[in-house]
PDB file of all heavy atoms in Angstrom:
ATOM      1  N   ALA A   1     170.200 124.669 -98.466  1.00  0.00           N
ATOM      2  CA  ALA A   1     170.269 125.935 -97.735  1.00  0.00           C
ATOM      3  C   ALA A   1     169.439 127.023 -98.446  1.00  0.00           C
ATOM      4  O   ALA A   1     168.813 127.924 -97.846  1.00  0.00           O
ATOM      5  CB  ALA A   1     171.728 126.359 -97.634  1.00  0.00           C
ATOM      6  N   PHE A   2     169.451 127.055 -99.765  1.00  0.00           N
ATOM      7  CA  PHE A   2     168.674 128.053-100.538  1.00  0.00           C
ATOM      8  C   PHE A   2     167.471 127.503-101.057  1.00  0.00           C
ATOM      9  O   PHE A   2     167.481 126.409-101.772  1.00  0.00           O
ATOM     10  CB  PHE A   2     169.547 128.652-101.564  1.00  0.00           C
ATOM     11  CG  PHE A   2     168.844 129.619-102.475  1.00  0.00           C
ATOM     12  CD1 PHE A   2     168.341 130.792-101.997  1.00  0.00           C
ATOM     13  CD2 PHE A   2     168.610 129.187-103.822  1.00  0.00           C
ATOM     14  CE1 PHE A   2     167.594 131.678-102.870  1.00  0.00           C
ATOM     15  CE2 PHE A   2     167.915 130.044-104.812  1.00  0.00           C
ATOM     16  CZ  PHE A   2     167.450 131.268-104.254  1.00  0.00           C
ATOM     17  N   ARG A   3     166.370 128.033-100.885  1.00  0.00           N
ATOM     18  CA  ARG A   3     164.987 127.749-101.465  1.00  0.00           C
ATOM     19  C   ARG A   3     164.376 128.778-102.261  1.00  0.00           C
ATOM     20  O   ARG A   3     164.230 129.891-101.634  1.00  0.00           O
ATOM     21  CB  ARG A   3     164.099 127.254-100.369  1.00  0.00           C
ATOM     22  CG  ARG A   3     164.593 126.048 -99.472  1.00  0.00           C
ATOM     23  CD  ARG A   3     163.737 125.807 -98.291  1.00  0.00           C
ATOM     24  NE  ARG A   3     163.761 126.915 -97.412  1.00  0.00           N
ATOM     25  CZ  ARG A   3     162.703 127.633 -97.121  1.00  0.00           C
ATOM     26  NH1 ARG A   3     161.458 127.281 -97.616  1.00  0.00           N
ATOM     27  NH2 ARG A   3     162.638 128.755 -96.255  1.00  0.00           N
ATOM     28  N   SER A   4     164.028 128.578-103.446  1.00  0.00           N
ATOM     29  CA  SER A   4     163.470 129.593-104.350  1.00  0.00           C
ATOM     30  C   SER A   4     162.083 129.964-103.828  1.00  0.00           C
ATOM     31  O   SER A   4     161.625 131.072-104.164  1.00  0.00           O
ATOM     32  CB  SER A   4     163.294 129.030-105.691  1.00  0.00           C
ATOM     33  OG  SER A   4     164.597 128.737-106.309  1.00  0.00           O
ATOM     34  N   SER A   5     161.347 129.152-103.011  1.00  0.00           N
ATOM     35  CA  SER A   5     160.112 129.471-102.476  1.00  0.00           C
ATOM     36  C   SER A   5     160.055 130.349-101.142  1.00  0.00           C
ATOM     37  O   SER A   5     159.052 130.784-100.772  1.00  0.00           O
ATOM     38  CB  SER A   5     159.379 128.108-102.158  1.00  0.00           C
ATOM     39  OG  SER A   5     160.002 127.424-101.231  1.00  0.00           O
ATOM     40  N   SER A   6     161.278 130.550-100.624  1.00  0.00           N
ATOM     41  CA  SER A   6     161.354 131.298 -99.386  1.00  0.00           C
ATOM     42  C   SER A   6     161.252 132.766 -99.733  1.00  0.00           C
ATOM     43  O   SER A   6     161.191 133.191-100.833  1.00  0.00           O
ATOM     44  CB  SER A   6     162.730 131.149 -98.624  1.00  0.00           C
ATOM     45  OG  SER A   6     163.837 131.670 -99.542  1.00  0.00           O
ATOM     46  N   ILE A   7     160.853 133.587 -98.701  1.00  0.00           N
ATOM     47  CA  ILE A   7     160.760 135.003 -98.959  1.00  0.00           C
ATOM     48  C   ILE A   7     162.150 135.620 -99.406  1.00  0.00           C
ATOM     49  O   ILE A   7     162.051 136.424-100.349  1.00  0.00           O
ATOM     50  CB  ILE A   7     160.459 135.773 -97.565  1.00  0.00           C
ATOM     51  CG1 ILE A   7     159.025 135.352 -97.020  1.00  0.00           C
ATOM     52  CG2 ILE A   7     160.621 137.322 -97.570  1.00  0.00           C
ATOM     53  CD1 ILE A   7     158.023 136.072 -97.932  1.00  0.00           C
ATOM     54  N   PHE A   8     163.165 135.133 -98.988  1.00  0.00           N
ATOM     55  CA  PHE A   8     164.531 135.651 -99.483  1.00  0.00           C
ATOM     56  C   PHE A   8     164.687 135.160-100.933  1.00  0.00           C
ATOM     57  O   PHE A   8     165.019 135.961-101.742  1.00  0.00           O
ATOM     58  CB  PHE A   8     165.655 134.956 -98.609  1.00  0.00           C
ATOM     59  CG  PHE A   8     167.010 135.258 -99.279  1.00  0.00           C
ATOM     60  CD1 PHE A   8     167.544 136.575 -99.246  1.00  0.00           C
ATOM     61  CD2 PHE A   8     167.829 134.341 -99.740  1.00  0.00           C
ATOM     62  CE1 PHE A   8     168.734 136.760 -99.817  1.00  0.00           C
ATOM     63  CE2 PHE A   8     169.140 134.522-100.386  1.00  0.00           C
ATOM     64  CZ  PHE A   8     169.480 135.896-100.385  1.00  0.00           C
ATOM     65  N   GLY A   9     164.310 133.946-101.158  1.00  0.00           N
ATOM     66  CA  GLY A   9     164.553 133.350-102.489  1.00  0.00           C
ATOM     67  C   GLY A   9     163.603 133.866-103.667  1.00  0.00           C
ATOM     68  O   GLY A   9     163.886 133.822-104.799  1.00  0.00           O
ATOM     69  N   SER A  10     162.350 134.286-103.203  1.00  0.00           N
ATOM     70  CA  SER A  10     161.370 134.645-104.099  1.00  0.00           C
ATOM     71  C   SER A  10     161.142 136.143-104.275  1.00  0.00           C
ATOM     72  O   SER A  10     160.649 136.671-105.226  1.00  0.00           O
ATOM     73  CB  SER A  10     160.008 134.048-103.865  1.00  0.00           C
ATOM     74  OG  SER A  10     159.567 134.449-102.488  1.00  0.00           O
ATOM     75  N   ILE A  11     161.512 136.935-103.123  1.00  0.00           N
ATOM     76  CA  ILE A  11     161.271 138.349-103.112  1.00  0.00           C
ATOM     77  C   ILE A  11     162.489 139.126-102.930  1.00  0.00           C
ATOM     78  O   ILE A  11     162.906 140.046-103.746  1.00  0.00           O
ATOM     79  CB  ILE A  11     160.214 138.611-101.996  1.00  0.00           C
ATOM     80  CG1 ILE A  11     158.857 138.084-102.311  1.00  0.00           C
ATOM     81  CG2 ILE A  11     160.085 140.234-101.898  1.00  0.00           C
ATOM     82  CD1 ILE A  11     157.793 138.249-101.335  1.00  0.00           C
ATOM     83  N   GLU A  12     163.339 138.916-101.801  1.00  0.00           N
ATOM     84  CA  GLU A  12     164.296 139.827-101.425  1.00  0.00           C
ATOM     85  C   GLU A  12     165.509 139.796-102.511  1.00  0.00           C
ATOM     86  O   GLU A  12     165.934 140.912-102.837  1.00  0.00           O
ATOM     87  CB  GLU A  12     164.833 139.329-100.045  1.00  0.00           C
ATOM     88  CG  GLU A  12     163.853 139.718 -98.993  1.00  0.00           C
ATOM     89  CD  GLU A  12     164.208 139.121 -97.681  1.00  0.00           C
ATOM     90  OE1 GLU A  12     164.948 138.171 -97.549  1.00  0.00           O
ATOM     91  OE2 GLU A  12     163.713 139.664 -96.642  1.00  0.00           O
ATOM     92  N   ILE A  13     165.898 138.730-103.034  1.00  0.00           N
ATOM     93  CA  ILE A  13     167.073 138.700-103.936  1.00  0.00           C
ATOM     94  C   ILE A  13     166.780 139.413-105.245  1.00  0.00           C
ATOM     95  O   ILE A  13     167.638 139.948-105.839  1.00  0.00           O
ATOM     96  CB  ILE A  13     167.666 137.247-104.234  1.00  0.00           C
ATOM     97  CG1 ILE A  13     166.568 136.422-104.872  1.00  0.00           C
ATOM     98  CG2 ILE A  13     168.159 136.690-102.938  1.00  0.00           C
ATOM     99  CD1 ILE A  13     167.112 135.035-105.325  1.00  0.00           C
ATOM    100  N   PHE A  14     165.437 139.463-105.622  1.00  0.00           N
ATOM    101  CA  PHE A  14     165.112 140.076-106.868  1.00  0.00           C
ATOM    102  C   PHE A  14     164.701 141.574-106.687  1.00  0.00           C
ATOM    103  O   PHE A  14     164.436 142.280-107.668  1.00  0.00           O
ATOM    104  CB  PHE A  14     163.904 139.383-107.497  1.00  0.00           C
ATOM    105  CG  PHE A  14     164.204 137.902-107.782  1.00  0.00           C
ATOM    106  CD1 PHE A  14     163.593 136.922-107.126  1.00  0.00           C
ATOM    107  CD2 PHE A  14     165.111 137.716-108.864  1.00  0.00           C
ATOM    108  CE1 PHE A  14     164.000 135.557-107.474  1.00  0.00           C
ATOM    109  CE2 PHE A  14     165.356 136.424-109.310  1.00  0.00           C
ATOM    110  CZ  PHE A  14     164.767 135.385-108.594  1.00  0.00           C
ATOM    111  N   ASN A  15     164.816 141.999-105.503  1.00  0.00           N
ATOM    112  CA  ASN A  15     164.648 143.540-105.249  1.00  0.00           C
ATOM    113  C   ASN A  15     165.897 144.203-104.672  1.00  0.00           C
ATOM    114  O   ASN A  15     165.781 145.277-104.294  1.00  0.00           O
ATOM    115  CB  ASN A  15     163.526 143.679-104.185  1.00  0.00           C
ATOM    116  CG  ASN A  15     162.127 143.549-104.871  1.00  0.00           C
ATOM    117  OD1 ASN A  15     161.686 144.297-105.652  1.00  0.00           O
ATOM    118  ND2 ASN A  15     161.534 142.219-104.702  1.00  0.00           N
ATOM    119  N   LEU A  16     166.992 143.402-104.682  1.00  0.00           N
ATOM    120  CA  LEU A  16     168.284 144.189-104.420  1.00  0.00           C
ATOM    121  C   LEU A  16     168.669 144.990-105.642  1.00  0.00           C
ATOM    122  O   LEU A  16     168.503 144.555-106.753  1.00  0.00           O
ATOM    123  CB  LEU A  16     169.339 143.065-104.065  1.00  0.00           C
ATOM    124  CG  LEU A  16     169.172 142.164-102.737  1.00  0.00           C
ATOM    125  CD1 LEU A  16     170.238 141.202-102.823  1.00  0.00           C
ATOM    126  CD2 LEU A  16     169.272 143.132-101.578  1.00  0.00           C
ATOM    127  N   ASN A  17     169.213 146.149-105.318  1.00  0.00           N
ATOM    128  CA  ASN A  17     169.451 147.047-106.487  1.00  0.00           C
ATOM    129  C   ASN A  17     170.978 147.016-106.799  1.00  0.00           C
ATOM    130  O   ASN A  17     171.808 147.393-105.945  1.00  0.00           O
ATOM    131  CB  ASN A  17     169.072 148.485-106.031  1.00  0.00           C
ATOM    132  CG  ASN A  17     169.223 149.520-107.263  1.00  0.00           C
ATOM    133  OD1 ASN A  17     169.934 149.147-108.268  1.00  0.00           O
ATOM    134  ND2 ASN A  17     168.648 150.688-107.052  1.00  0.00           N
ATOM    135  N   PRO A  18     171.450 146.501-107.957  1.00  0.00           N
ATOM    136  CA  PRO A  18     172.765 146.322-108.263  1.00  0.00           C
ATOM    137  C   PRO A  18     173.468 147.704-108.391  1.00  0.00           C
ATOM    138  O   PRO A  18     174.725 147.792-108.286  1.00  0.00           O
ATOM    139  CB  PRO A  18     172.813 145.636-109.675  1.00  0.00           C
ATOM    140  CG  PRO A  18     171.539 145.804-110.211  1.00  0.00           C
ATOM    141  CD  PRO A  18     170.511 145.924-108.998  1.00  0.00           C
ATOM    142  N   ASP A  19     172.777 148.817-108.494  1.00  0.00           N
ATOM    143  CA  ASP A  19     173.317 150.169-108.467  1.00  0.00           C
ATOM    144  C   ASP A  19     173.760 150.634-107.101  1.00  0.00           C
ATOM    145  O   ASP A  19     174.462 151.586-106.947  1.00  0.00           O
ATOM    146  CB  ASP A  19     172.472 151.119-109.124  1.00  0.00           C
ATOM    147  CG  ASP A  19     172.310 150.826-110.637  1.00  0.00           C
ATOM    148  OD1 ASP A  19     173.105 150.311-111.308  1.00  0.00           O
ATOM    149  OD2 ASP A  19     171.147 151.062-111.212  1.00  0.00           O
ATOM    150  N   LYS A  20     173.124 149.978-106.125  1.00  0.00           N
ATOM    151  CA  LYS A  20     173.310 150.332-104.702  1.00  0.00           C
ATOM    152  C   LYS A  20     174.120 149.345-103.891  1.00  0.00           C
ATOM    153  O   LYS A  20     174.784 149.694-102.959  1.00  0.00           O
ATOM    154  CB  LYS A  20     171.939 150.660-103.970  1.00  0.00           C
ATOM    155  CG  LYS A  20     171.123 151.718-104.520  1.00  0.00           C
ATOM    156  CD  LYS A  20     169.773 151.761-103.987  1.00  0.00           C
ATOM    157  CE  LYS A  20     169.664 151.861-102.461  1.00  0.00           C
ATOM    158  NZ  LYS A  20     168.394 151.908-101.969  1.00  0.00           N
ATOM    159  N   VAL A  21     173.922 148.064-104.258  1.00  0.00           N
ATOM    160  CA  VAL A  21     174.620 146.989-103.579  1.00  0.00           C
ATOM    161  C   VAL A  21     175.810 146.624-104.240  1.00  0.00           C
ATOM    162  O   VAL A  21     175.729 146.159-105.452  1.00  0.00           O
ATOM    163  CB  VAL A  21     173.649 145.832-103.409  1.00  0.00           C
ATOM    164  CG1 VAL A  21     174.374 144.559-102.791  1.00  0.00           C
ATOM    165  CG2 VAL A  21     172.439 146.154-102.612  1.00  0.00           C
ATOM    166  N   SER A  22     176.987 146.608-103.580  1.00  0.00           N
ATOM    167  CA  SER A  22     178.206 146.247-104.187  1.00  0.00           C
ATOM    168  C   SER A  22     178.713 144.804-104.213  1.00  0.00           C
ATOM    169  O   SER A  22     179.340 144.287-105.153  1.00  0.00           O
ATOM    170  CB  SER A  22     179.399 147.058-103.562  1.00  0.00           C
ATOM    171  OG  SER A  22     179.483 146.816-102.231  1.00  0.00           O
ATOM    172  N   ALA A  23     178.103 144.043-103.097  1.00  0.00           N
ATOM    173  CA  ALA A  23     178.539 142.694-103.064  1.00  0.00           C
ATOM    174  C   ALA A  23     177.568 142.002-102.075  1.00  0.00           C
ATOM    175  O   ALA A  23     176.879 142.623-101.216  1.00  0.00           O
ATOM    176  CB  ALA A  23     179.900 142.498-102.432  1.00  0.00           C
ATOM    177  N   VAL A  24     177.421 140.665-102.167  1.00  0.00           N
ATOM    178  CA  VAL A  24     176.512 139.792-101.376  1.00  0.00           C
ATOM    179  C   VAL A  24     177.484 138.765-100.695  1.00  0.00           C
ATOM    180  O   VAL A  24     178.124 138.017-101.405  1.00  0.00           O
ATOM    181  CB  VAL A  24     175.472 139.074-102.117  1.00  0.00           C
ATOM    182  CG1 VAL A  24     174.695 138.267-101.245  1.00  0.00           C
ATOM    183  CG2 VAL A  24     174.558 140.206-102.764  1.00  0.00           C
ATOM    184  N   HIS A  25     177.575 138.825 -99.376  1.00  0.00           N
ATOM    185  CA  HIS A  25     178.476 137.811 -98.631  1.00  0.00           C
ATOM    186  C   HIS A  25     177.436 136.705 -97.999  1.00  0.00           C
ATOM    187  O   HIS A  25     176.416 137.129 -97.214  1.00  0.00           O
ATOM    188  CB  HIS A  25     179.103 138.492 -97.494  1.00  0.00           C
ATOM    189  CG  HIS A  25     180.210 139.333 -97.983  1.00  0.00           C
ATOM    190  ND1 HIS A  25     180.994 140.102 -97.288  1.00  0.00           N
ATOM    191  CD2 HIS A  25     180.774 139.628 -99.294  1.00  0.00           C
ATOM    192  CE1 HIS A  25     181.930 140.776 -97.841  1.00  0.00           C
ATOM    193  NE2 HIS A  25     181.770 140.399 -99.178  1.00  0.00           N
ATOM    194  N   ILE A  26     177.557 135.513 -98.351  1.00  0.00           N
ATOM    195  CA  ILE A  26     176.726 134.468 -97.840  1.00  0.00           C
ATOM    196  C   ILE A  26     177.445 133.691 -96.699  1.00  0.00           C
ATOM    197  O   ILE A  26     178.626 133.407 -96.840  1.00  0.00           O
ATOM    198  CB  ILE A  26     176.448 133.408 -98.913  1.00  0.00           C
ATOM    199  CG1 ILE A  26     175.805 134.004-100.164  1.00  0.00           C
ATOM    200  CG2 ILE A  26     175.612 132.180 -98.375  1.00  0.00           C
ATOM    201  CD1 ILE A  26     175.827 133.084-101.415  1.00  0.00           C
TER     202      ILE A  26
END
C-alpha cells in the first residue's frame, strides 16, 4: 500500500509540518 517512490512517499510525508499537523489518520 505504501511506496517510497510515490509522490506521497517521497515528497508529501516529508513536507508535513509537525508543528502544524497533530495527527495522521491512514
